[in-house]
PDB file of N, CA and C in Angstrom:
ATOM      1  N   UNK A   1       1.330  -1.125   0.367  1.00  0.00           N
ATOM      2  CA  UNK A   1      -0.318   0.101  -0.224  1.00  0.00           C
ATOM      3  C   UNK A   1       1.345   1.615  -0.165  1.00  0.00           C
ATOM      4  N   UNK A   2       1.274   1.256   0.926  1.00  0.00           N
ATOM      5  CA  UNK A   2       2.943   2.279   0.391  1.00  0.00           C
ATOM      6  C   UNK A   2       3.454   3.306  -0.844  1.00  0.00           C
ATOM      7  N   UNK A   3       3.676   1.608  -1.781  1.00  0.00           N
ATOM      8  CA  UNK A   3       4.093   2.101  -2.852  1.00  0.00           C
ATOM      9  C   UNK A   3       3.037   2.936  -3.379  1.00  0.00           C
ATOM     10  N   UNK A   4       2.351   2.692  -3.873  1.00  0.00           N
ATOM     11  CA  UNK A   4       0.482   2.706  -4.039  1.00  0.00           C
ATOM     12  C   UNK A   4       0.367   4.819  -3.386  1.00  0.00           C
ATOM     13  N   UNK A   5       0.871   4.559  -1.959  1.00  0.00           N
ATOM     14  CA  UNK A   5       0.638   6.347  -2.005  1.00  0.00           C
ATOM     15  C   UNK A   5       2.231   6.760  -2.256  1.00  0.00           C
ATOM     16  N   UNK A   6       3.155   6.478  -2.625  1.00  0.00           N
ATOM     17  CA  UNK A   6       4.127   6.968  -2.793  1.00  0.00           C
ATOM     18  C   UNK A   6       4.445   7.420  -4.447  1.00  0.00           C
ATOM     19  N   UNK A   7       3.253   6.206  -4.862  1.00  0.00           N
ATOM     20  CA  UNK A   7       2.885   6.203  -6.559  1.00  0.00           C
ATOM     21  C   UNK A   7       1.873   7.276  -6.493  1.00  0.00           C
ATOM     22  N   UNK A   8       1.454   7.720  -6.059  1.00  0.00           N
ATOM     23  CA  UNK A   8       0.295   8.442  -5.583  1.00  0.00           C
ATOM     24  C   UNK A   8       0.906  10.398  -5.510  1.00  0.00           C
ATOM     25  N   UNK A   9       1.578  10.410  -4.314  1.00  0.00           N
ATOM     26  CA  UNK A   9       1.969  11.221  -4.157  1.00  0.00           C
ATOM     27  C   UNK A   9       3.577  12.175  -5.171  1.00  0.00           C
ATOM     28  N   UNK A  10       4.002  11.096  -6.200  1.00  0.00           N
ATOM     29  CA  UNK A  10       4.869  11.226  -7.310  1.00  0.00           C
ATOM     30  C   UNK A  10       4.744  12.286  -8.409  1.00  0.00           C
ATOM     31  N   UNK A  11       3.299  11.932  -8.343  1.00  0.00           N
ATOM     32  CA  UNK A  11       2.488  12.033  -9.842  1.00  0.00           C
ATOM     33  C   UNK A  11       2.409  11.000 -11.049  1.00  0.00           C
ATOM     34  N   UNK A  12       3.214   9.941 -10.919  1.00  0.00           N
ATOM     35  CA  UNK A  12       3.041   8.431 -11.868  1.00  0.00           C
ATOM     36  C   UNK A  12       1.865   8.117 -11.983  1.00  0.00           C
ATOM     37  N   UNK A  13       1.056   7.931 -10.434  1.00  0.00           N
ATOM     38  CA  UNK A  13      -0.521   6.699 -10.312  1.00  0.00           C
ATOM     39  C   UNK A  13      -1.138   7.426 -11.877  1.00  0.00           C
ATOM     40  N   UNK A  14      -1.477   8.504 -11.859  1.00  0.00           N
ATOM     41  CA  UNK A  14      -1.930   8.812 -13.424  1.00  0.00           C
ATOM     42  C   UNK A  14      -1.398   8.142 -14.931  1.00  0.00           C
ATOM     43  N   UNK A  15      -0.156   8.470 -14.712  1.00  0.00           N
ATOM     44  CA  UNK A  15       0.402   7.691 -15.785  1.00  0.00           C
ATOM     45  C   UNK A  15       0.646   6.264 -16.028  1.00  0.00           C
ATOM     46  N   UNK A  16       0.629   5.342 -15.254  1.00  0.00           N
ATOM     47  CA  UNK A  16       0.361   4.454 -14.626  1.00  0.00           C
ATOM     48  C   UNK A  16      -0.741   3.693 -15.133  1.00  0.00           C
ATOM     49  N   UNK A  17      -1.835   5.137 -14.609  1.00  0.00           N
ATOM     50  CA  UNK A  17      -3.264   4.884 -15.201  1.00  0.00           C
ATOM     51  C   UNK A  17      -3.777   4.654 -16.946  1.00  0.00           C
ATOM     52  N   UNK A  18      -2.938   5.225 -17.174  1.00  0.00           N
ATOM     53  CA  UNK A  18      -2.995   6.133 -18.691  1.00  0.00           C
ATOM     54  C   UNK A  18      -2.653   4.288 -19.536  1.00  0.00           C
ATOM     55  N   UNK A  19      -1.257   4.470 -19.172  1.00  0.00           N
ATOM     56  CA  UNK A  19      -0.170   3.188 -19.626  1.00  0.00           C
ATOM     57  C   UNK A  19      -1.496   1.609 -19.418  1.00  0.00           C
ATOM     58  N   UNK A  20      -1.888   1.623 -18.392  1.00  0.00           N
ATOM     59  CA  UNK A  20      -3.152   0.486 -18.806  1.00  0.00           C
ATOM     60  C   UNK A  20      -4.055  -0.017 -19.257  1.00  0.00           C
ATOM     61  N   UNK A  21      -4.273   1.621 -19.919  1.00  0.00           N
ATOM     62  CA  UNK A  21      -5.612   1.363 -20.944  1.00  0.00           C
ATOM     63  C   UNK A  21      -5.401   0.405 -21.530  1.00  0.00           C
ATOM     64  N   UNK A  22      -4.062   1.030 -22.177  1.00  0.00           N
ATOM     65  CA  UNK A  22      -3.899   0.707 -23.766  1.00  0.00           C
ATOM     66  C   UNK A  22      -2.848  -1.340 -23.463  1.00  0.00           C
ATOM     67  N   UNK A  23      -3.461  -1.997 -22.219  1.00  0.00           N
ATOM     68  CA  UNK A  23      -2.862  -3.251 -21.921  1.00  0.00           C
ATOM     69  C   UNK A  23      -4.713  -4.114 -22.722  1.00  0.00           C
ATOM     70  N   UNK A  24      -4.033  -5.290 -22.860  1.00  0.00           N
ATOM     71  CA  UNK A  24      -5.003  -6.218 -23.586  1.00  0.00           C
ATOM     72  C   UNK A  24      -5.156  -7.751 -23.606  1.00  0.00           C
ATOM     73  N   UNK A  25      -5.968  -8.215 -22.513  1.00  0.00           N
ATOM     74  CA  UNK A  25      -5.452  -9.775 -22.721  1.00  0.00           C
ATOM     75  C   UNK A  25      -5.461 -10.577 -23.822  1.00  0.00           C
ATOM     76  N   UNK A  26      -6.046  -9.979 -25.356  1.00  0.00           N
ATOM     77  CA  UNK A  26      -5.802 -10.195 -26.041  1.00  0.00           C
ATOM     78  C   UNK A  26      -4.918 -10.282 -27.321  1.00  0.00           C
ATOM     79  N   UNK A  27      -5.340 -10.022 -28.907  1.00  0.00           N
ATOM     80  CA  UNK A  27      -4.402  -9.200 -29.694  1.00  0.00           C
ATOM     81  C   UNK A  27      -5.909  -8.986 -30.323  1.00  0.00           C
ATOM     82  N   UNK A  28      -5.563  -7.717 -30.898  1.00  0.00           N
ATOM     83  CA  UNK A  28      -5.943  -6.727 -31.748  1.00  0.00           C
ATOM     84  C   UNK A  28      -6.073  -7.634 -33.298  1.00  0.00           C
ATOM     85  N   UNK A  29      -6.850  -7.714 -34.126  1.00  0.00           N
ATOM     86  CA  UNK A  29      -6.604  -8.376 -35.449  1.00  0.00           C
ATOM     87  C   UNK A  29      -5.424  -8.994 -36.560  1.00  0.00           C
ATOM     88  N   UNK A  30      -4.676  -8.086 -36.215  1.00  0.00           N
ATOM     89  CA  UNK A  30      -3.906  -7.913 -37.356  1.00  0.00           C
ATOM     90  C   UNK A  30      -2.698  -9.150 -35.999  1.00  0.00           C
ATOM     91  N   UNK A  31      -2.407  -8.706 -34.621  1.00  0.00           N
ATOM     92  CA  UNK A  31      -2.283  -8.454 -34.372  1.00  0.00           C
ATOM     93  C   UNK A  31      -0.097  -8.573 -34.318  1.00  0.00           C
ATOM     94  N   UNK A  32      -0.182  -7.210 -35.607  1.00  0.00           N
ATOM     95  CA  UNK A  32       1.503  -7.162 -34.850  1.00  0.00           C
ATOM     96  C   UNK A  32       1.997  -5.943 -34.087  1.00  0.00           C
ATOM     97  N   UNK A  33       0.838  -5.362 -33.348  1.00  0.00           N
ATOM     98  CA  UNK A  33       1.589  -4.294 -32.348  1.00  0.00           C
ATOM     99  C   UNK A  33       1.733  -4.917 -30.985  1.00  0.00           C
ATOM    100  N   UNK A  34       2.859  -4.635 -30.264  1.00  0.00           N
ATOM    101  CA  UNK A  34       2.736  -4.638 -28.916  1.00  0.00           C
ATOM    102  C   UNK A  34       2.874  -3.196 -28.152  1.00  0.00           C
ATOM    103  N   UNK A  35       2.689  -3.163 -26.853  1.00  0.00           N
ATOM    104  CA  UNK A  35       2.575  -2.119 -25.972  1.00  0.00           C
ATOM    105  C   UNK A  35       3.664  -2.411 -24.984  1.00  0.00           C
ATOM    106  N   UNK A  36       5.006  -1.908 -24.723  1.00  0.00           N
ATOM    107  CA  UNK A  36       5.538  -2.458 -23.771  1.00  0.00           C
ATOM    108  C   UNK A  36       6.329  -1.343 -22.596  1.00  0.00           C
ATOM    109  N   UNK A  37       5.215  -1.901 -21.375  1.00  0.00           N
ATOM    110  CA  UNK A  37       5.556  -0.494 -20.519  1.00  0.00           C
ATOM    111  C   UNK A  37       7.024  -0.727 -19.470  1.00  0.00           C
ATOM    112  N   UNK A  38       7.052  -0.638 -18.180  1.00  0.00           N
ATOM    113  CA  UNK A  38       8.432  -0.632 -17.459  1.00  0.00           C
ATOM    114  C   UNK A  38       9.822  -0.178 -17.840  1.00  0.00           C
ATOM    115  N   UNK A  39       9.436   0.922 -19.174  1.00  0.00           N
ATOM    116  CA  UNK A  39      10.466   1.135 -19.456  1.00  0.00           C
ATOM    117  C   UNK A  39      11.881   2.578 -18.728  1.00  0.00           C
ATOM    118  N   UNK A  40      12.282   1.881 -18.868  1.00  0.00           N
ATOM    119  CA  UNK A  40      13.469   3.248 -18.491  1.00  0.00           C
ATOM    120  C   UNK A  40      13.759   4.394 -19.237  1.00  0.00           C
ATOM    121  N   UNK A  41      14.013   5.532 -18.436  1.00  0.00           N
ATOM    122  CA  UNK A  41      13.944   6.597 -18.757  1.00  0.00           C
ATOM    123  C   UNK A  41      14.037   7.540 -20.032  1.00  0.00           C
ATOM    124  N   UNK A  42      15.917   6.677 -20.021  1.00  0.00           N
ATOM    125  CA  UNK A  42      16.486   6.701 -20.947  1.00  0.00           C
ATOM    126  C   UNK A  42      16.405   6.542 -22.387  1.00  0.00           C
ATOM    127  N   UNK A  43      15.467   5.281 -22.041  1.00  0.00           N
ATOM    128  CA  UNK A  43      14.564   4.267 -23.688  1.00  0.00           C
ATOM    129  C   UNK A  43      14.667   5.653 -24.987  1.00  0.00           C
ATOM    130  N   UNK A  44      14.932   5.622 -25.733  1.00  0.00           N
ATOM    131  CA  UNK A  44      14.671   6.184 -26.669  1.00  0.00           C
ATOM    132  C   UNK A  44      13.880   5.426 -27.649  1.00  0.00           C
ATOM    133  N   UNK A  45      13.499   5.739 -29.003  1.00  0.00           N
ATOM    134  CA  UNK A  45      12.574   5.173 -30.005  1.00  0.00           C
ATOM    135  C   UNK A  45      13.750   4.101 -30.654  1.00  0.00           C
ATOM    136  N   UNK A  46      15.009   4.179 -30.866  1.00  0.00           N
ATOM    137  CA  UNK A  46      16.049   3.410 -32.144  1.00  0.00           C
ATOM    138  C   UNK A  46      16.138   2.594 -30.912  1.00  0.00           C
ATOM    139  N   UNK A  47      16.545   2.855 -29.598  1.00  0.00           N
ATOM    140  CA  UNK A  47      17.605   1.655 -28.727  1.00  0.00           C
ATOM    141  C   UNK A  47      16.063   0.596 -28.161  1.00  0.00           C
ATOM    142  N   UNK A  48      14.389   1.143 -28.332  1.00  0.00           N
ATOM    143  CA  UNK A  48      13.807   0.472 -28.722  1.00  0.00           C
ATOM    144  C   UNK A  48      13.348  -0.587 -29.795  1.00  0.00           C
ATOM    145  N   UNK A  49      13.117  -0.270 -30.738  1.00  0.00           N
ATOM    146  CA  UNK A  49      13.794  -0.572 -31.684  1.00  0.00           C
ATOM    147  C   UNK A  49      14.992  -1.917 -32.494  1.00  0.00           C
ATOM    148  N   UNK A  50      15.602  -1.415 -31.963  1.00  0.00           N
ATOM    149  CA  UNK A  50      16.854  -2.933 -31.671  1.00  0.00           C
ATOM    150  C   UNK A  50      17.266  -3.917 -30.383  1.00  0.00           C
ATOM    151  N   UNK A  51      15.935  -3.128 -29.567  1.00  0.00           N
ATOM    152  CA  UNK A  51      15.774  -4.610 -28.257  1.00  0.00           C
ATOM    153  C   UNK A  51      14.862  -5.463 -29.441  1.00  0.00           C
ATOM    154  N   UNK A  52      14.072  -5.223 -29.926  1.00  0.00           N
ATOM    155  CA  UNK A  52      13.254  -5.939 -30.035  1.00  0.00           C
ATOM    156  C   UNK A  52      13.126  -6.092 -31.567  1.00  0.00           C
ATOM    157  N   UNK A  53      14.228  -5.529 -32.353  1.00  0.00           N
ATOM    158  CA  UNK A  53      14.488  -6.641 -33.948  1.00  0.00           C
ATOM    159  C   UNK A  53      14.749  -7.570 -34.137  1.00  0.00           C
ATOM    160  N   UNK A  54      15.613  -8.527 -33.454  1.00  0.00           N
ATOM    161  CA  UNK A  54      15.455 -10.129 -33.439  1.00  0.00           C
ATOM    162  C   UNK A  54      14.872 -11.042 -33.080  1.00  0.00           C
ATOM    163  N   UNK A  55      13.647 -10.144 -33.594  1.00  0.00           N
ATOM    164  CA  UNK A  55      12.319 -10.642 -33.661  1.00  0.00           C
ATOM    165  C   UNK A  55      11.981 -11.055 -35.245  1.00  0.00           C
ATOM    166  N   UNK A  56      12.198 -10.164 -35.812  1.00  0.00           N
ATOM    167  CA  UNK A  56      11.268  -9.670 -37.333  1.00  0.00           C
ATOM    168  C   UNK A  56      11.834  -8.611 -37.485  1.00  0.00           C
ATOM    169  N   UNK A  57      10.749  -8.192 -38.491  1.00  0.00           N
ATOM    170  CA  UNK A  57      11.094  -6.430 -38.650  1.00  0.00           C
ATOM    171  C   UNK A  57      10.163  -5.934 -38.857  1.00  0.00           C
ATOM    172  N   UNK A  58      10.974  -4.694 -37.528  1.00  0.00           N
ATOM    173  CA  UNK A  58      10.482  -3.825 -36.533  1.00  0.00           C
ATOM    174  C   UNK A  58       9.818  -2.784 -37.365  1.00  0.00           C
ATOM    175  N   UNK A  59       8.770  -2.529 -37.466  1.00  0.00           N
ATOM    176  CA  UNK A  59       7.640  -1.684 -38.310  1.00  0.00           C
ATOM    177  C   UNK A  59       8.812  -0.369 -38.222  1.00  0.00           C
ATOM    178  N   UNK A  60       7.614   0.149 -36.531  1.00  0.00           N
ATOM    179  CA  UNK A  60       8.147   1.078 -35.915  1.00  0.00           C
ATOM    180  C   UNK A  60       7.568   0.421 -34.512  1.00  0.00           C
ATOM    181  N   UNK A  61       8.918   1.518 -34.017  1.00  0.00           N
ATOM    182  CA  UNK A  61       8.980   1.260 -32.401  1.00  0.00           C
ATOM    183  C   UNK A  61       9.235   2.942 -32.162  1.00  0.00           C
ATOM    184  N   UNK A  62       7.938   3.502 -30.836  1.00  0.00           N
ATOM    185  CA  UNK A  62       7.610   4.308 -30.760  1.00  0.00           C
ATOM    186  C   UNK A  62       8.018   4.318 -29.228  1.00  0.00           C
ATOM    187  N   UNK A  63       8.804   5.847 -28.062  1.00  0.00           N
ATOM    188  CA  UNK A  63       8.527   5.392 -26.550  1.00  0.00           C
ATOM    189  C   UNK A  63       7.543   7.019 -26.892  1.00  0.00           C
ATOM    190  N   UNK A  64       6.577   6.650 -25.612  1.00  0.00           N
ATOM    191  CA  UNK A  64       5.645   7.506 -25.755  1.00  0.00           C
ATOM    192  C   UNK A  64       6.269   9.029 -24.528  1.00  0.00           C
ATOM    193  N   UNK A  65       5.807  10.177 -24.761  1.00  0.00           N
ATOM    194  CA  UNK A  65       6.545  11.377 -23.861  1.00  0.00           C
ATOM    195  C   UNK A  65       5.495  12.143 -23.917  1.00  0.00           C
ATOM    196  N   UNK A  66       6.193  12.690 -22.240  1.00  0.00           N
ATOM    197  CA  UNK A  66       5.395  13.885 -21.956  1.00  0.00           C
ATOM    198  C   UNK A  66       4.689  15.111 -23.519  1.00  0.00           C
ATOM    199  N   UNK A  67       4.128  15.989 -23.202  1.00  0.00           N
ATOM    200  CA  UNK A  67       4.008  16.570 -24.653  1.00  0.00           C
ATOM    201  C   UNK A  67       4.772  17.580 -23.934  1.00  0.00           C
ATOM    202  N   UNK A  68       4.668  18.300 -22.827  1.00  0.00           N
ATOM    203  CA  UNK A  68       5.397  19.324 -22.665  1.00  0.00           C
ATOM    204  C   UNK A  68       6.295  19.214 -21.851  1.00  0.00           C
ATOM    205  N   UNK A  69       7.187  18.042 -21.016  1.00  0.00           N
ATOM    206  CA  UNK A  69       8.780  18.124 -20.913  1.00  0.00           C
ATOM    207  C   UNK A  69       9.332  16.918 -21.626  1.00  0.00           C
ATOM    208  N   UNK A  70       8.584  16.417 -23.109  1.00  0.00           N
ATOM    209  CA  UNK A  70       9.218  15.707 -23.604  1.00  0.00           C
ATOM    210  C   UNK A  70       9.971  14.772 -23.342  1.00  0.00           C
ATOM    211  N   UNK A  71       9.594  14.341 -21.221  1.00  0.00           N
ATOM    212  CA  UNK A  71      10.459  13.609 -20.804  1.00  0.00           C
ATOM    213  C   UNK A  71       9.291  12.103 -21.366  1.00  0.00           C
ATOM    214  N   UNK A  72      10.158  10.746 -21.923  1.00  0.00           N
ATOM    215  CA  UNK A  72       9.651   9.557 -21.568  1.00  0.00           C
ATOM    216  C   UNK A  72       8.553   9.312 -20.975  1.00  0.00           C
ATOM    217  N   UNK A  73       7.080   8.495 -20.941  1.00  0.00           N
ATOM    218  CA  UNK A  73       6.158   8.417 -19.701  1.00  0.00           C
ATOM    219  C   UNK A  73       6.569   7.039 -19.477  1.00  0.00           C
ATOM    220  N   UNK A  74       7.682   6.204 -19.706  1.00  0.00           N
ATOM    221  CA  UNK A  74       7.864   4.511 -19.143  1.00  0.00           C
ATOM    222  C   UNK A  74       7.382   3.824 -20.107  1.00  0.00           C
ATOM    223  N   UNK A  75       6.129   4.115 -21.162  1.00  0.00           N
ATOM    224  CA  UNK A  75       5.743   3.454 -21.981  1.00  0.00           C
ATOM    225  C   UNK A  75       5.943   3.372 -23.845  1.00  0.00           C
ATOM    226  N   UNK A  76       5.520   2.137 -24.173  1.00  0.00           N
ATOM    227  CA  UNK A  76       6.233   2.425 -25.653  1.00  0.00           C
ATOM    228  C   UNK A  76       5.193   1.279 -26.342  1.00  0.00           C
ATOM    229  N   UNK A  77       4.954   1.499 -27.610  1.00  0.00           N
ATOM    230  CA  UNK A  77       4.610   0.533 -29.162  1.00  0.00           C
ATOM    231  C   UNK A  77       6.079  -0.197 -29.709  1.00  0.00           C
ATOM    232  N   UNK A  78       5.721  -1.333 -30.338  1.00  0.00           N
ATOM    233  CA  UNK A  78       6.055  -2.059 -30.892  1.00  0.00           C
ATOM    234  C   UNK A  78       5.275  -2.363 -32.244  1.00  0.00           C
ATOM    235  N   UNK A  79       5.379  -1.450 -33.305  1.00  0.00           N
ATOM    236  CA  UNK A  79       4.829  -2.999 -34.288  1.00  0.00           C
ATOM    237  C   UNK A  79       5.856  -3.356 -35.413  1.00  0.00           C
ATOM    238  N   UNK A  80       5.628  -4.705 -35.901  1.00  0.00           N
ATOM    239  CA  UNK A  80       6.009  -5.305 -36.621  1.00  0.00           C
ATOM    240  C   UNK A  80       5.231  -5.387 -37.856  1.00  0.00           C
ATOM    241  N   UNK A  81       6.214  -6.285 -38.624  1.00  0.00           N
ATOM    242  CA  UNK A  81       5.823  -6.373 -40.327  1.00  0.00           C
ATOM    243  C   UNK A  81       4.222  -7.565 -40.157  1.00  0.00           C
ATOM    244  N   UNK A  82       4.913  -8.303 -38.773  1.00  0.00           N
ATOM    245  CA  UNK A  82       4.266 -10.502 -38.290  1.00  0.00           C
ATOM    246  C   UNK A  82       3.446 -10.255 -37.731  1.00  0.00           C
ATOM    247  N   UNK A  83       2.287 -10.537 -37.462  1.00  0.00           N
ATOM    248  CA  UNK A  83       2.127 -10.617 -35.965  1.00  0.00           C
ATOM    249  C   UNK A  83       2.632 -12.083 -35.510  1.00  0.00           C
ATOM    250  N   UNK A  84       3.231 -12.769 -36.635  1.00  0.00           N
ATOM    251  CA  UNK A  84       3.967 -14.159 -36.040  1.00  0.00           C
ATOM    252  C   UNK A  84       5.199 -13.758 -35.295  1.00  0.00           C
ATOM    253  N   UNK A  85       5.827 -12.503 -35.530  1.00  0.00           N
ATOM    254  CA  UNK A  85       7.552 -12.277 -35.390  1.00  0.00           C
ATOM    255  C   UNK A  85       7.133 -11.561 -34.100  1.00  0.00           C
ATOM    256  N   UNK A  86       5.721 -10.318 -33.720  1.00  0.00           N
ATOM    257  CA  UNK A  86       4.490  -9.529 -32.824  1.00  0.00           C
ATOM    258  C   UNK A  86       4.727 -10.774 -31.500  1.00  0.00           C
ATOM    259  N   UNK A  87       3.999 -11.469 -32.019  1.00  0.00           N
ATOM    260  CA  UNK A  87       4.068 -12.633 -30.993  1.00  0.00           C
ATOM    261  C   UNK A  87       5.360 -13.433 -30.241  1.00  0.00           C
ATOM    262  N   UNK A  88       5.781 -13.819 -31.255  1.00  0.00           N
ATOM    263  CA  UNK A  88       7.106 -14.153 -30.640  1.00  0.00           C
ATOM    264  C   UNK A  88       8.106 -13.068 -29.891  1.00  0.00           C
ATOM    265  N   UNK A  89       8.230 -12.382 -29.787  1.00  0.00           N
ATOM    266  CA  UNK A  89       8.710 -10.833 -28.720  1.00  0.00           C
ATOM    267  C   UNK A  89       7.818 -10.881 -28.120  1.00  0.00           C
ATOM    268  N   UNK A  90       6.799 -11.176 -28.129  1.00  0.00           N
ATOM    269  CA  UNK A  90       6.010 -10.982 -26.962  1.00  0.00           C
ATOM    270  C   UNK A  90       5.837 -12.000 -25.607  1.00  0.00           C
ATOM    271  N   UNK A  91       6.236 -12.796 -26.219  1.00  0.00           N
ATOM    272  CA  UNK A  91       6.065 -14.128 -25.272  1.00  0.00           C
ATOM    273  C   UNK A  91       8.056 -14.183 -25.102  1.00  0.00           C
ATOM    274  N   UNK A  92       8.534 -13.459 -25.636  1.00  0.00           N
ATOM    275  CA  UNK A  92      10.523 -13.913 -25.315  1.00  0.00           C
ATOM    276  C   UNK A  92      10.519 -12.929 -24.026  1.00  0.00           C
ATOM    277  N   UNK A  93       9.597 -11.843 -24.560  1.00  0.00           N
ATOM    278  CA  UNK A  93      10.929  -9.877 -24.169  1.00  0.00           C
ATOM    279  C   UNK A  93      10.095 -10.044 -22.393  1.00  0.00           C
ATOM    280  N   UNK A  94       8.426 -10.156 -23.082  1.00  0.00           N
ATOM    281  CA  UNK A  94       7.636 -10.368 -21.343  1.00  0.00           C
ATOM    282  C   UNK A  94       8.367 -10.681 -19.927  1.00  0.00           C
ATOM    283  N   UNK A  95       8.834  -9.430 -19.325  1.00  0.00           N
ATOM    284  CA  UNK A  95       9.266  -9.300 -17.645  1.00  0.00           C
ATOM    285  C   UNK A  95      10.813  -9.634 -17.846  1.00  0.00           C
ATOM    286  N   UNK A  96      11.118  -8.764 -19.272  1.00  0.00           N
ATOM    287  CA  UNK A  96      13.102  -9.486 -19.366  1.00  0.00           C
ATOM    288  C   UNK A  96      13.182  -7.840 -19.154  1.00  0.00           C
ATOM    289  N   UNK A  97      15.106  -8.002 -18.800  1.00  0.00           N
ATOM    290  CA  UNK A  97      15.303  -6.509 -18.426  1.00  0.00           C
ATOM    291  C   UNK A  97      16.057  -6.234 -19.808  1.00  0.00           C
ATOM    292  N   UNK A  98      15.188  -4.620 -19.814  1.00  0.00           N
ATOM    293  CA  UNK A  98      15.565  -3.526 -20.529  1.00  0.00           C
ATOM    294  C   UNK A  98      16.368  -2.518 -20.368  1.00  0.00           C
ATOM    295  N   UNK A  99      17.843  -2.720 -20.543  1.00  0.00           N
ATOM    296  CA  UNK A  99      18.247  -1.138 -19.896  1.00  0.00           C
ATOM    297  C   UNK A  99      18.485  -1.331 -18.108  1.00  0.00           C
ATOM    298  N   UNK A 100      18.137  -2.237 -17.535  1.00  0.00           N
ATOM    299  CA  UNK A 100      18.425  -1.707 -16.237  1.00  0.00           C
ATOM    300  C   UNK A 100      16.612  -2.223 -15.659  1.00  0.00           C
ATOM    301  N   UNK A 101      15.690  -2.137 -16.321  1.00  0.00           N
ATOM    302  CA  UNK A 101      14.543  -2.185 -15.493  1.00  0.00           C
ATOM    303  C   UNK A 101      13.021  -3.631 -16.642  1.00  0.00           C
ATOM    304  N   UNK A 102      12.979  -4.827 -15.718  1.00  0.00           N
ATOM    305  CA  UNK A 102      12.254  -5.433 -16.442  1.00  0.00           C
ATOM    306  C   UNK A 102      10.881  -4.843 -16.792  1.00  0.00           C
ATOM    307  N   UNK A 103      10.431  -5.072 -18.185  1.00  0.00           N
ATOM    308  CA  UNK A 103       9.394  -4.555 -18.835  1.00  0.00           C
ATOM    309  C   UNK A 103       8.377  -6.073 -19.201  1.00  0.00           C
ATOM    310  N   UNK A 104       7.406  -4.832 -19.127  1.00  0.00           N
ATOM    311  CA  UNK A 104       6.373  -5.403 -19.473  1.00  0.00           C
ATOM    312  C   UNK A 104       6.036  -5.383 -21.087  1.00  0.00           C
ATOM    313  N   UNK A 105       5.524  -6.835 -21.748  1.00  0.00           N
ATOM    314  CA  UNK A 105       5.311  -7.050 -23.176  1.00  0.00           C
ATOM    315  C   UNK A 105       3.627  -7.899 -23.140  1.00  0.00           C
ATOM    316  N   UNK A 106       2.682  -6.934 -23.799  1.00  0.00           N
ATOM    317  CA  UNK A 106       1.313  -7.481 -24.382  1.00  0.00           C
ATOM    318  C   UNK A 106       1.359  -7.104 -25.700  1.00  0.00           C
ATOM    319  N   UNK A 107       0.128  -7.151 -25.771  1.00  0.00           N
ATOM    320  CA  UNK A 107      -0.414  -6.624 -27.606  1.00  0.00           C
ATOM    321  C   UNK A 107      -1.389  -5.805 -26.912  1.00  0.00           C
ATOM    322  N   UNK A 108      -0.913  -4.996 -28.151  1.00  0.00           N
ATOM    323  CA  UNK A 108      -1.480  -3.761 -28.047  1.00  0.00           C
ATOM    324  C   UNK A 108      -2.817  -3.530 -27.972  1.00  0.00           C
ATOM    325  N   UNK A 109      -3.407  -2.547 -27.564  1.00  0.00           N
ATOM    326  CA  UNK A 109      -5.109  -2.528 -27.700  1.00  0.00           C
ATOM    327  C   UNK A 109      -5.538  -1.263 -28.037  1.00  0.00           C
ATOM    328  N   UNK A 110      -6.254  -0.913 -29.645  1.00  0.00           N
ATOM    329  CA  UNK A 110      -6.884   0.055 -29.896  1.00  0.00           C
ATOM    330  C   UNK A 110      -7.493   0.951 -28.366  1.00  0.00           C
ATOM    331  N   UNK A 111      -7.092   2.440 -28.620  1.00  0.00           N
ATOM    332  CA  UNK A 111      -7.647   2.810 -28.130  1.00  0.00           C
ATOM    333  C   UNK A 111      -9.144   2.437 -27.778  1.00  0.00           C
ATOM    334  N   UNK A 112      -9.298   2.464 -26.843  1.00  0.00           N
ATOM    335  CA  UNK A 112     -11.206   2.902 -26.525  1.00  0.00           C
ATOM    336  C   UNK A 112     -11.826   3.815 -27.552  1.00  0.00           C
ATOM    337  N   UNK A 113     -12.803   3.441 -28.142  1.00  0.00           N
ATOM    338  CA  UNK A 113     -13.792   4.426 -28.615  1.00  0.00           C
ATOM    339  C   UNK A 113     -14.931   5.702 -27.192  1.00  0.00           C
ATOM    340  N   UNK A 114     -15.108   6.599 -27.210  1.00  0.00           N
ATOM    341  CA  UNK A 114     -16.381   6.991 -26.499  1.00  0.00           C
ATOM    342  C   UNK A 114     -15.659   7.961 -24.927  1.00  0.00           C
ATOM    343  N   UNK A 115     -14.247   7.429 -24.705  1.00  0.00           N
ATOM    344  CA  UNK A 115     -14.105   7.728 -23.653  1.00  0.00           C
ATOM    345  C   UNK A 115     -14.143   7.358 -22.192  1.00  0.00           C
ATOM    346  N   UNK A 116     -14.046   8.570 -21.070  1.00  0.00           N
ATOM    347  CA  UNK A 116     -15.007   8.268 -20.263  1.00  0.00           C
ATOM    348  C   UNK A 116     -14.315   8.993 -18.991  1.00  0.00           C
TER     349      UNK A 116
END
């Protein structure tokens, strides 16, 4: 519970909530886009792509940043040319260490429509 209180006091709880919105238990129709959480603050698009390209052709790797500060929000997306490559990457990279942090990898979910 203290970790939750600590997160709330540092302002990272909303970021964690927003990141969680992108998680999905299943796969999108094409199954080629992954959500990666728990990224080190120093991770950029290039290093994210490098970490995943051994699993197949990476079409895009993007670390999500704060619009105002430009600082990483600690999560990003990796899109593969093939759903099979994405599946292999998700299975092999989930809970692995990347730049000193254990990352969570799952299939990305499309943004929910409607809002909340």
